[in-house]
Amino acid sequence: MQDTQTLTGRPVISATGLFTPSESITNEELVESFNTYVERFNAANADAIAAGDVQELAPSSVGFIEKASGIKARHVMSKAPILDPDVMTPRWDERGNDEHSMMAEIGVIAAKQALERAGRDASDVDAVLCAASNMERPYPAMAIEIQQALGIDGFGFDMNVACSSATFGIQTAADYVRAGNAKSVLVVSPEITSGHLNWRDRDSHFIFGDVATAVLVEDSSMAPADHWEILSTKLKTVFSNNIRNNFGFLNRAAPENANNPDKLFIQEGRKVFKEVVPMVAQMIIDEAEKLQMDPATLRRLWLHQANAGMNRLIAQRVLGHEANDDESPTVLDTYGNTSSAGSIIAFHKHQDDLGAGDTGLICSFGAGYSAGTVFVRKTA
């Protein structure tokens, strides 16, 4: 953290916003589609499989998915094509340059809700950060498009730190407030993760969902009475190849690479679990110590919604006991992994019952490796 003696502002979270797609895919629907694809693939390649030239595909099951992840359903922007065994990827009409991009469209919806909840007008906002794991295009920045759509006279830029993008965005916004460079900053995370998921991969096809969140970070002098004081923010990155996505405008080479497993989401799940859980848990404990806070006294943990097992173990190491649903709420079961938006969804949906003085933690972790913590305290 910066030396507070040199700072001019005190950042708080004034409000949050959430956009949820209307379409949802249950595990039962997903398994039926995937297993149909597997049956067709194995039948079409029967001779090659018998000769040992092609690996036979294994079917999936609802039990396997829920045991591996805790996910029961996920919202998506394009359901029918994903469930079509002949397509198994989202499809949407390409938009013209005079139309809002999909990321901007859903980001604006979430941002407007955050502004409304804070009783704030867009003219009060100084900056927009679009913090997400996959960007729709290199430029112009989605943040600037969102800024224009909202009518904000200020600046905006995109940032990508994979599943930690939102918490990295919150610290960036808080730093602007601390330094006096802005009084009100929107951190918008439109996560259309279905577009970079390999829906034909048994070990990962069930993971991701689509959503958009917004967090309004402001100086305490202008915040509504009911807000969250940001006590501290801490970021950490450590390079790892265990979560990777190689799809990009520089290395896709040919259109067929869109279906190349190496150009979509891939991970070494067991390695990620083994390496990330202790890193994140210790990071939280160390930061609590700097705040002279016993981590066991945290009223609520809004953890990254990637895997139920990871969250359970991290919460246990931080709190000293297995957390219940009140201490560490989940949205993973109905939203799936929504990358950087997951912990923000949990915060958005599970904060109103806390009282003045209650402390909590917003935490994300993912590819990079990257991890971000935001310690907060309810003020009213």
Foldseek 3Di string as FASTA:
>chain_A
DDDLVQFDFFKWWQFKFKDFAPDKDFPVLLQVLLVVLLVVVCVVCVVCVVVVNDPRDDGADQVVVCVWFVAGMATAPAPPQCSHSVRNAGDDDDDDPVDQDPLLVQQLNGVVVGCVSFVHALQQWAEEEAFEADDPDDDDASRVVNNVVRVYDHYYHYDHPWLQRQQVVLVVVSVCRGRVVTFKYKYKYFFNQRRQWQCNDNVTNRFAHTMMMIIIMGGPVPHDQWIKGFPDKDKDFDADPQWDAQADPVPCPDPVSSNPNNNGTHGDVVVCLVPVLVVQLVVVCVVCVVVVHQLLQQQAELEQNGGPVSVQSSVCSRNVHGDDCRRYPAPCHHHGGRRNCRSVVVCNVRPPVDDAFHKYWRKTADHSRMIMITIIGTHD
